[in-house]
Amino acid sequence: MKNSLPEKVPGSKVSAEEIFGQVVYGLLSPPEAAKVMKLSVRQFYRRLAAWKRGEALD
C-alpha cells in the first residue's frame, strides 16, 4: 500500500499516510484520525479507501 506522495495534514508534521497506518494497525480510531486530519469521519473513510487502493492523495 504505497502512495506516490504522502499528504501532509494541515497544521501538522504528520503525513496522512502515517495516520492511515495507525488506523490500520489499531493505534488510532477513525474518528480520532478524522479529527486530527480536520476531516469529517465520512471524508476520512473515503481517503482511507483511496489510500488502500494505492490512489494518490490530494
N, C-alpha and C. Protein backbone atom coordinates (compact mmCIF):
# COMPACT_ATOMS: atom_id res chain seq x y z
N MET A 1 0.82 -1.18 0.00
CA MET A 1 0.00 0.00 0.00
C MET A 1 0.87 1.24 0.00
N LYS A 2 1.60 1.45 -1.05
CA LYS A 2 2.47 2.60 -1.12
C LYS A 2 1.80 3.69 -1.92
N ASN A 3 1.90 4.87 -1.40
CA ASN A 3 1.31 6.03 -2.05
C ASN A 3 2.44 6.81 -2.71
N SER A 4 2.17 7.45 -3.83
CA SER A 4 3.21 8.17 -4.53
C SER A 4 3.74 9.37 -3.75
N LEU A 5 2.86 10.19 -3.22
CA LEU A 5 3.26 11.35 -2.44
C LEU A 5 2.47 11.39 -1.14
N PRO A 6 3.15 11.29 0.00
CA PRO A 6 2.40 11.38 1.25
C PRO A 6 1.84 12.78 1.44
N GLU A 7 0.59 12.84 1.77
CA GLU A 7 -0.08 14.12 2.01
C GLU A 7 0.24 14.59 3.42
N LYS A 8 0.54 15.85 3.57
CA LYS A 8 0.75 16.42 4.90
C LYS A 8 -0.58 16.90 5.45
N VAL A 9 -0.82 16.58 6.69
CA VAL A 9 -2.03 17.03 7.35
C VAL A 9 -1.87 18.51 7.66
N PRO A 10 -2.86 19.35 7.30
CA PRO A 10 -2.73 20.79 7.55
C PRO A 10 -2.42 21.09 9.02
N GLY A 11 -1.41 21.91 9.23
CA GLY A 11 -1.05 22.31 10.58
C GLY A 11 -0.34 21.24 11.38
N SER A 12 0.17 20.22 10.71
CA SER A 12 0.81 19.11 11.40
C SER A 12 2.04 18.65 10.63
N LYS A 13 2.94 17.99 11.33
CA LYS A 13 4.13 17.43 10.69
C LYS A 13 3.93 15.96 10.38
N VAL A 14 2.73 15.45 10.64
CA VAL A 14 2.42 14.04 10.42
C VAL A 14 1.75 13.90 9.06
N SER A 15 2.19 12.93 8.27
CA SER A 15 1.56 12.72 6.97
C SER A 15 0.29 11.90 7.12
N ALA A 16 -0.58 12.06 6.15
CA ALA A 16 -1.83 11.29 6.13
C ALA A 16 -1.51 9.80 6.08
N GLU A 17 -0.46 9.44 5.36
CA GLU A 17 -0.06 8.03 5.25
C GLU A 17 0.26 7.45 6.63
N GLU A 18 0.92 8.22 7.48
CA GLU A 18 1.23 7.76 8.83
C GLU A 18 -0.04 7.57 9.66
N ILE A 19 -0.97 8.50 9.51
CA ILE A 19 -2.23 8.39 10.25
C ILE A 19 -3.02 7.18 9.77
N PHE A 20 -3.09 6.96 8.45
CA PHE A 20 -3.79 5.80 7.92
C PHE A 20 -3.16 4.51 8.46
N GLY A 21 -1.85 4.48 8.52
CA GLY A 21 -1.17 3.31 9.07
C GLY A 21 -1.53 3.06 10.52
N GLN A 22 -1.64 4.13 11.30
CA GLN A 22 -2.01 3.99 12.71
C GLN A 22 -3.42 3.44 12.85
N VAL A 23 -4.31 3.86 11.95
CA VAL A 23 -5.69 3.35 11.99
C VAL A 23 -5.71 1.88 11.60
N VAL A 24 -4.99 1.52 10.54
CA VAL A 24 -4.95 0.13 10.08
C VAL A 24 -4.41 -0.79 11.17
N TYR A 25 -3.41 -0.34 11.92
CA TYR A 25 -2.81 -1.16 12.97
C TYR A 25 -3.52 -1.02 14.32
N GLY A 26 -4.62 -0.27 14.35
CA GLY A 26 -5.42 -0.16 15.56
C GLY A 26 -4.87 0.77 16.63
N LEU A 27 -3.94 1.62 16.26
CA LEU A 27 -3.36 2.55 17.23
C LEU A 27 -4.17 3.83 17.37
N LEU A 28 -5.04 4.08 16.40
CA LEU A 28 -5.84 5.29 16.38
C LEU A 28 -7.21 4.92 15.82
N SER A 29 -8.26 5.46 16.41
CA SER A 29 -9.61 5.16 15.89
C SER A 29 -9.90 6.07 14.70
N PRO A 30 -10.76 5.65 13.78
CA PRO A 30 -11.12 6.50 12.64
C PRO A 30 -11.66 7.87 13.06
N PRO A 31 -12.54 7.97 14.07
CA PRO A 31 -13.00 9.31 14.46
C PRO A 31 -11.85 10.19 14.99
N GLU A 32 -10.93 9.59 15.72
CA GLU A 32 -9.77 10.36 16.22
C GLU A 32 -8.90 10.82 15.05
N ALA A 33 -8.68 9.93 14.11
CA ALA A 33 -7.86 10.26 12.94
C ALA A 33 -8.51 11.36 12.12
N ALA A 34 -9.83 11.27 11.94
CA ALA A 34 -10.55 12.30 11.19
C ALA A 34 -10.40 13.66 11.86
N LYS A 35 -10.46 13.67 13.18
CA LYS A 35 -10.31 14.92 13.91
C LYS A 35 -8.90 15.50 13.73
N VAL A 36 -7.89 14.66 13.80
CA VAL A 36 -6.51 15.10 13.61
C VAL A 36 -6.32 15.68 12.21
N MET A 37 -6.95 15.04 11.22
CA MET A 37 -6.81 15.47 9.84
C MET A 37 -7.78 16.59 9.47
N LYS A 38 -8.62 16.99 10.43
CA LYS A 38 -9.61 18.04 10.21
C LYS A 38 -10.55 17.69 9.06
N LEU A 39 -11.05 16.44 9.10
CA LEU A 39 -12.00 15.92 8.12
C LEU A 39 -13.21 15.39 8.85
N SER A 40 -14.30 15.24 8.11
CA SER A 40 -15.43 14.51 8.69
C SER A 40 -15.05 13.03 8.67
N VAL A 41 -15.74 12.24 9.47
CA VAL A 41 -15.45 10.81 9.51
C VAL A 41 -15.69 10.19 8.13
N ARG A 42 -16.75 10.64 7.46
CA ARG A 42 -17.05 10.12 6.13
C ARG A 42 -15.93 10.44 5.14
N GLN A 43 -15.43 11.68 5.16
CA GLN A 43 -14.32 12.05 4.29
C GLN A 43 -13.08 11.23 4.62
N PHE A 44 -12.85 10.99 5.90
CA PHE A 44 -11.70 10.19 6.31
C PHE A 44 -11.78 8.79 5.70
N TYR A 45 -12.96 8.15 5.82
CA TYR A 45 -13.12 6.80 5.28
C TYR A 45 -12.91 6.78 3.76
N ARG A 46 -13.35 7.82 3.07
CA ARG A 46 -13.14 7.89 1.62
C ARG A 46 -11.66 7.96 1.28
N ARG A 47 -10.93 8.80 2.01
CA ARG A 47 -9.49 8.92 1.76
C ARG A 47 -8.74 7.65 2.16
N LEU A 48 -9.17 7.02 3.24
CA LEU A 48 -8.56 5.76 3.66
C LEU A 48 -8.76 4.70 2.58
N ALA A 49 -9.95 4.61 2.02
CA ALA A 49 -10.24 3.63 0.96
C ALA A 49 -9.37 3.92 -0.26
N ALA A 50 -9.23 5.18 -0.62
CA ALA A 50 -8.40 5.55 -1.77
C ALA A 50 -6.94 5.18 -1.50
N TRP A 51 -6.48 5.43 -0.29
CA TRP A 51 -5.09 5.10 0.09
C TRP A 51 -4.86 3.60 0.00
N LYS A 52 -5.84 2.82 0.47
CA LYS A 52 -5.71 1.36 0.42
C LYS A 52 -5.66 0.86 -1.03
N ARG A 53 -6.35 1.57 -1.94
CA ARG A 53 -6.32 1.20 -3.36
C ARG A 53 -5.06 1.67 -4.04
N GLY A 54 -4.25 2.46 -3.35
CA GLY A 54 -2.99 2.96 -3.92
C GLY A 54 -3.14 4.22 -4.73
N GLU A 55 -4.28 4.89 -4.59
CA GLU A 55 -4.51 6.15 -5.32
C GLU A 55 -3.77 7.30 -4.64
N ALA A 56 -3.38 8.28 -5.43
CA ALA A 56 -2.71 9.46 -4.89
C ALA A 56 -3.68 10.26 -4.04
N LEU A 57 -3.19 10.80 -2.95
CA LEU A 57 -4.00 11.66 -2.08
C LEU A 57 -3.87 13.09 -2.55
N ASP A 58 -4.96 13.85 -2.45
CA ASP A 58 -4.89 15.26 -2.85
C ASP A 58 -4.89 16.16 -1.67
